[in-house]
Amino acid sequence: MTSDKQDKEVNTMTLNFTHHEGSWDKEPATVDATSSATVVYIRKNIEQFTKTDQQTGEEVTLWGYDEAQISHSDYALYLSEENAADIAYVAIMAGIDL
């Protein structure tokens, strides 16, 4: 199930998040780079909730989260941009001119 598209600007890369719900046994990982050979899943706003099953009337526990999917090569670029931004921030805070 998807809805509520959101975009997050991260330096030059935009991640397109869509809302999902699922019945995972445990909390979904914020980054999943192993379950798919082609994409990396990036998740945020992960919350557990209960819902009444329409067919059985039983309460079920689900996880809701916003998820973006990017290729493994784009994920490597995303990480390098995140690291560059972190380094620039620390340099500014330390008064170092890069």
N, C-alpha and C. Protein backbone atom coordinates (compact mmCIF):
# COMPACT_ATOMS: atom_id res chain seq x y z
N MET A 1 0.84 -1.17 0.00
CA MET A 1 0.00 0.00 0.00
C MET A 1 0.89 1.23 0.00
N THR A 2 0.66 2.17 -0.92
CA THR A 2 1.46 3.38 -0.97
C THR A 2 0.56 4.60 -1.04
N SER A 3 1.06 5.68 -0.48
CA SER A 3 0.37 6.97 -0.54
C SER A 3 1.30 8.04 0.01
N ASP A 4 0.86 9.29 -0.03
CA ASP A 4 1.59 10.39 0.60
C ASP A 4 3.05 10.48 0.17
N LYS A 5 3.27 10.79 -1.09
CA LYS A 5 4.64 10.95 -1.58
C LYS A 5 5.30 12.15 -0.92
N GLN A 6 6.57 11.97 -0.51
CA GLN A 6 7.36 13.06 0.05
C GLN A 6 8.71 13.05 -0.63
N ASP A 7 9.31 14.22 -0.76
CA ASP A 7 10.66 14.32 -1.32
C ASP A 7 11.57 14.91 -0.25
N LYS A 8 12.80 14.39 -0.19
CA LYS A 8 13.80 14.92 0.74
C LYS A 8 15.04 15.27 -0.08
N GLU A 9 15.42 16.53 -0.04
CA GLU A 9 16.61 16.97 -0.76
C GLU A 9 17.84 16.65 0.09
N VAL A 10 18.76 15.90 -0.46
CA VAL A 10 20.01 15.57 0.21
C VAL A 10 21.12 15.98 -0.75
N ASN A 11 21.70 17.14 -0.50
CA ASN A 11 22.69 17.72 -1.40
C ASN A 11 22.12 17.73 -2.82
N THR A 12 22.67 16.93 -3.74
CA THR A 12 22.18 16.96 -5.11
C THR A 12 21.21 15.82 -5.41
N MET A 13 21.02 14.90 -4.49
CA MET A 13 20.16 13.74 -4.73
C MET A 13 18.82 13.91 -4.02
N THR A 14 17.75 13.63 -4.74
CA THR A 14 16.42 13.68 -4.15
C THR A 14 15.93 12.25 -3.94
N LEU A 15 15.50 11.96 -2.72
CA LEU A 15 14.91 10.66 -2.42
C LEU A 15 13.40 10.82 -2.42
N ASN A 16 12.71 9.98 -3.16
CA ASN A 16 11.25 10.02 -3.23
C ASN A 16 10.68 8.96 -2.30
N PHE A 17 10.07 9.42 -1.20
CA PHE A 17 9.52 8.52 -0.20
C PHE A 17 8.03 8.30 -0.44
N THR A 18 7.59 7.05 -0.28
CA THR A 18 6.17 6.72 -0.30
C THR A 18 5.85 5.96 0.98
N HIS A 19 4.61 6.06 1.43
CA HIS A 19 4.21 5.41 2.68
C HIS A 19 3.85 3.95 2.42
N HIS A 20 4.31 3.08 3.32
CA HIS A 20 4.03 1.65 3.24
C HIS A 20 3.58 1.13 4.60
N GLU A 21 2.85 0.03 4.59
CA GLU A 21 2.48 -0.68 5.81
C GLU A 21 2.78 -2.15 5.59
N GLY A 22 3.27 -2.81 6.64
CA GLY A 22 3.58 -4.22 6.52
C GLY A 22 3.56 -4.92 7.87
N SER A 23 3.45 -6.24 7.82
CA SER A 23 3.35 -7.04 9.05
C SER A 23 4.68 -7.73 9.35
N TRP A 24 5.72 -6.95 9.48
CA TRP A 24 7.04 -7.47 9.82
C TRP A 24 7.03 -8.05 11.23
N ASP A 25 7.87 -9.07 11.49
CA ASP A 25 7.99 -9.63 12.83
C ASP A 25 8.66 -8.66 13.79
N LYS A 26 9.62 -7.88 13.24
CA LYS A 26 10.32 -6.90 14.06
C LYS A 26 10.40 -5.60 13.27
N GLU A 27 10.86 -4.55 13.91
CA GLU A 27 10.94 -3.24 13.27
C GLU A 27 11.79 -3.31 12.00
N PRO A 28 11.28 -2.77 10.89
CA PRO A 28 12.06 -2.76 9.65
C PRO A 28 13.32 -1.91 9.82
N ALA A 29 14.39 -2.32 9.16
CA ALA A 29 15.65 -1.57 9.23
C ALA A 29 15.52 -0.23 8.52
N THR A 30 16.23 0.78 9.00
CA THR A 30 16.20 2.08 8.35
C THR A 30 16.89 2.04 7.00
N VAL A 31 17.89 1.16 6.85
CA VAL A 31 18.55 0.94 5.57
C VAL A 31 18.64 -0.56 5.34
N ASP A 32 18.16 -1.01 4.19
CA ASP A 32 18.22 -2.43 3.82
C ASP A 32 18.91 -2.53 2.47
N ALA A 33 20.18 -2.91 2.50
CA ALA A 33 20.97 -3.01 1.27
C ALA A 33 21.22 -4.47 0.88
N THR A 34 20.56 -5.42 1.57
CA THR A 34 20.86 -6.82 1.33
C THR A 34 19.70 -7.64 0.77
N SER A 35 18.46 -7.22 0.97
CA SER A 35 17.33 -8.07 0.56
C SER A 35 17.05 -8.01 -0.94
N SER A 36 17.63 -7.06 -1.64
CA SER A 36 17.43 -6.94 -3.09
C SER A 36 18.79 -6.81 -3.78
N ALA A 37 18.93 -7.46 -4.90
CA ALA A 37 20.16 -7.35 -5.67
C ALA A 37 20.24 -6.05 -6.47
N THR A 38 19.10 -5.37 -6.62
CA THR A 38 19.08 -4.19 -7.49
C THR A 38 18.85 -2.87 -6.77
N VAL A 39 18.17 -2.88 -5.62
CA VAL A 39 17.86 -1.62 -4.94
C VAL A 39 18.22 -1.67 -3.46
N VAL A 40 18.40 -0.47 -2.90
CA VAL A 40 18.57 -0.28 -1.46
C VAL A 40 17.31 0.42 -0.97
N TYR A 41 16.75 -0.07 0.12
CA TYR A 41 15.56 0.54 0.71
C TYR A 41 16.00 1.45 1.86
N ILE A 42 15.56 2.71 1.83
CA ILE A 42 15.84 3.66 2.90
C ILE A 42 14.49 4.01 3.52
N ARG A 43 14.38 3.80 4.85
CA ARG A 43 13.10 4.02 5.53
C ARG A 43 13.24 5.06 6.63
N LYS A 44 12.14 5.77 6.87
CA LYS A 44 12.09 6.75 7.95
C LYS A 44 10.67 6.78 8.50
N ASN A 45 10.48 7.47 9.61
CA ASN A 45 9.16 7.59 10.26
C ASN A 45 8.56 6.22 10.52
N ILE A 46 9.36 5.31 11.05
CA ILE A 46 8.91 3.93 11.30
C ILE A 46 8.11 3.90 12.60
N GLU A 47 6.87 3.41 12.51
CA GLU A 47 6.00 3.34 13.67
C GLU A 47 5.20 2.04 13.66
N GLN A 48 5.04 1.46 14.84
CA GLN A 48 4.22 0.26 14.98
C GLN A 48 2.82 0.68 15.41
N PHE A 49 1.80 -0.01 14.87
CA PHE A 49 0.42 0.29 15.23
C PHE A 49 -0.43 -0.96 15.10
N THR A 50 -1.62 -0.93 15.68
CA THR A 50 -2.54 -2.05 15.54
C THR A 50 -3.73 -1.62 14.69
N LYS A 51 -4.30 -2.61 14.00
CA LYS A 51 -5.40 -2.36 13.09
C LYS A 51 -6.32 -3.58 13.14
N THR A 52 -7.61 -3.36 12.96
CA THR A 52 -8.55 -4.47 12.93
C THR A 52 -8.63 -5.03 11.52
N ASP A 53 -8.38 -6.35 11.40
CA ASP A 53 -8.47 -7.04 10.11
C ASP A 53 -9.92 -7.02 9.64
N GLN A 54 -10.16 -6.53 8.43
CA GLN A 54 -11.51 -6.39 7.89
C GLN A 54 -12.22 -7.74 7.74
N GLN A 55 -11.48 -8.79 7.44
CA GLN A 55 -12.10 -10.10 7.21
C GLN A 55 -12.32 -10.90 8.49
N THR A 56 -11.35 -10.87 9.40
CA THR A 56 -11.45 -11.71 10.60
C THR A 56 -11.93 -10.95 11.83
N GLY A 57 -11.82 -9.63 11.82
CA GLY A 57 -12.17 -8.83 12.99
C GLY A 57 -11.11 -8.84 14.07
N GLU A 58 -10.01 -9.54 13.84
CA GLU A 58 -8.93 -9.61 14.82
C GLU A 58 -8.02 -8.40 14.71
N GLU A 59 -7.42 -8.05 15.85
CA GLU A 59 -6.44 -6.96 15.85
C GLU A 59 -5.11 -7.52 15.37
N VAL A 60 -4.47 -6.80 14.43
CA VAL A 60 -3.16 -7.20 13.92
C VAL A 60 -2.18 -6.06 14.16
N THR A 61 -0.93 -6.43 14.40
CA THR A 61 0.12 -5.43 14.62
C THR A 61 0.86 -5.23 13.30
N LEU A 62 0.99 -3.98 12.91
CA LEU A 62 1.65 -3.63 11.65
C LEU A 62 2.72 -2.58 11.89
N TRP A 63 3.56 -2.40 10.88
CA TRP A 63 4.54 -1.33 10.87
C TRP A 63 4.20 -0.38 9.73
N GLY A 64 4.24 0.91 9.98
CA GLY A 64 4.08 1.92 8.95
C GLY A 64 5.39 2.66 8.81
N TYR A 65 5.74 3.02 7.58
CA TYR A 65 7.01 3.71 7.35
C TYR A 65 7.00 4.38 5.98
N ASP A 66 7.82 5.38 5.83
CA ASP A 66 8.05 6.01 4.53
C ASP A 66 9.32 5.39 3.96
N GLU A 67 9.27 5.04 2.68
CA GLU A 67 10.37 4.30 2.08
C GLU A 67 10.76 4.88 0.73
N ALA A 68 12.06 4.96 0.51
CA ALA A 68 12.62 5.32 -0.80
C ALA A 68 13.43 4.13 -1.29
N GLN A 69 13.45 3.94 -2.60
CA GLN A 69 14.24 2.87 -3.21
C GLN A 69 15.22 3.50 -4.19
N ILE A 70 16.50 3.17 -4.04
CA ILE A 70 17.52 3.66 -4.97
C ILE A 70 18.46 2.51 -5.33
N SER A 71 19.11 2.63 -6.46
CA SER A 71 20.05 1.59 -6.89
C SER A 71 21.24 1.55 -5.94
N HIS A 72 21.95 0.44 -5.97
CA HIS A 72 23.14 0.31 -5.13
C HIS A 72 24.19 1.36 -5.49
N SER A 73 24.35 1.66 -6.78
CA SER A 73 25.34 2.68 -7.17
C SER A 73 24.90 4.07 -6.70
N ASP A 74 23.60 4.38 -6.79
CA ASP A 74 23.11 5.66 -6.29
C ASP A 74 23.23 5.74 -4.77
N TYR A 75 23.09 4.60 -4.09
CA TYR A 75 23.24 4.59 -2.64
C TYR A 75 24.68 4.93 -2.26
N ALA A 76 25.65 4.43 -3.01
CA ALA A 76 27.05 4.77 -2.75
C ALA A 76 27.27 6.28 -2.91
N LEU A 77 26.66 6.88 -3.94
CA LEU A 77 26.73 8.32 -4.15
C LEU A 77 26.05 9.06 -3.00
N TYR A 78 24.87 8.58 -2.59
CA TYR A 78 24.13 9.16 -1.47
C TYR A 78 25.00 9.18 -0.21
N LEU A 79 25.68 8.07 0.07
CA LEU A 79 26.55 8.01 1.25
C LEU A 79 27.71 8.99 1.14
N SER A 80 28.30 9.11 -0.04
CA SER A 80 29.42 10.04 -0.20
C SER A 80 28.96 11.48 -0.01
N GLU A 81 27.74 11.79 -0.50
CA GLU A 81 27.21 13.15 -0.31
C GLU A 81 26.90 13.41 1.16
N GLU A 82 26.36 12.41 1.85
CA GLU A 82 26.09 12.56 3.28
C GLU A 82 27.39 12.78 4.04
N ASN A 83 28.43 12.01 3.72
CA ASN A 83 29.72 12.15 4.39
C ASN A 83 30.35 13.51 4.10
N ALA A 84 30.25 13.98 2.87
CA ALA A 84 30.80 15.29 2.51
C ALA A 84 30.08 16.40 3.29
N ALA A 85 28.77 16.28 3.42
CA ALA A 85 28.01 17.27 4.17
C ALA A 85 28.40 17.25 5.65
N ASP A 86 28.61 16.06 6.22
CA ASP A 86 29.02 15.95 7.61
C ASP A 86 30.40 16.57 7.82
N ILE A 87 31.31 16.32 6.91
CA ILE A 87 32.67 16.87 7.02
C ILE A 87 32.62 18.40 6.92
N ALA A 88 31.84 18.92 5.99
CA ALA A 88 31.72 20.38 5.84
C ALA A 88 31.14 21.01 7.10
N TYR A 89 30.14 20.36 7.69
CA TYR A 89 29.52 20.89 8.92
C TYR A 89 30.53 20.94 10.07
N VAL A 90 31.29 19.85 10.24
CA VAL A 90 32.28 19.81 11.31
C VAL A 90 33.36 20.88 11.08
N ALA A 91 33.77 21.05 9.84
CA ALA A 91 34.76 22.06 9.52
C ALA A 91 34.26 23.47 9.86
N ILE A 92 33.02 23.74 9.51
CA ILE A 92 32.43 25.06 9.82
C ILE A 92 32.38 25.26 11.34
N MET A 93 31.93 24.24 12.06
CA MET A 93 31.82 24.35 13.51
C MET A 93 33.20 24.51 14.17
N ALA A 94 34.24 23.94 13.56
CA ALA A 94 35.60 24.02 14.11
C ALA A 94 36.35 25.24 13.58
N GLY A 95 35.72 26.00 12.67
CA GLY A 95 36.37 27.18 12.12
C GLY A 95 37.46 26.86 11.12
N ILE A 96 37.37 25.71 10.48
CA ILE A 96 38.37 25.30 9.50
C ILE A 96 37.86 25.64 8.11
N ASP A 97 38.70 26.31 7.33
CA ASP A 97 38.33 26.64 5.95
C ASP A 97 38.75 25.51 5.02
N LEU A 98 37.79 24.85 4.43
CA LEU A 98 38.12 23.78 3.48
C LEU A 98 38.36 24.40 2.15
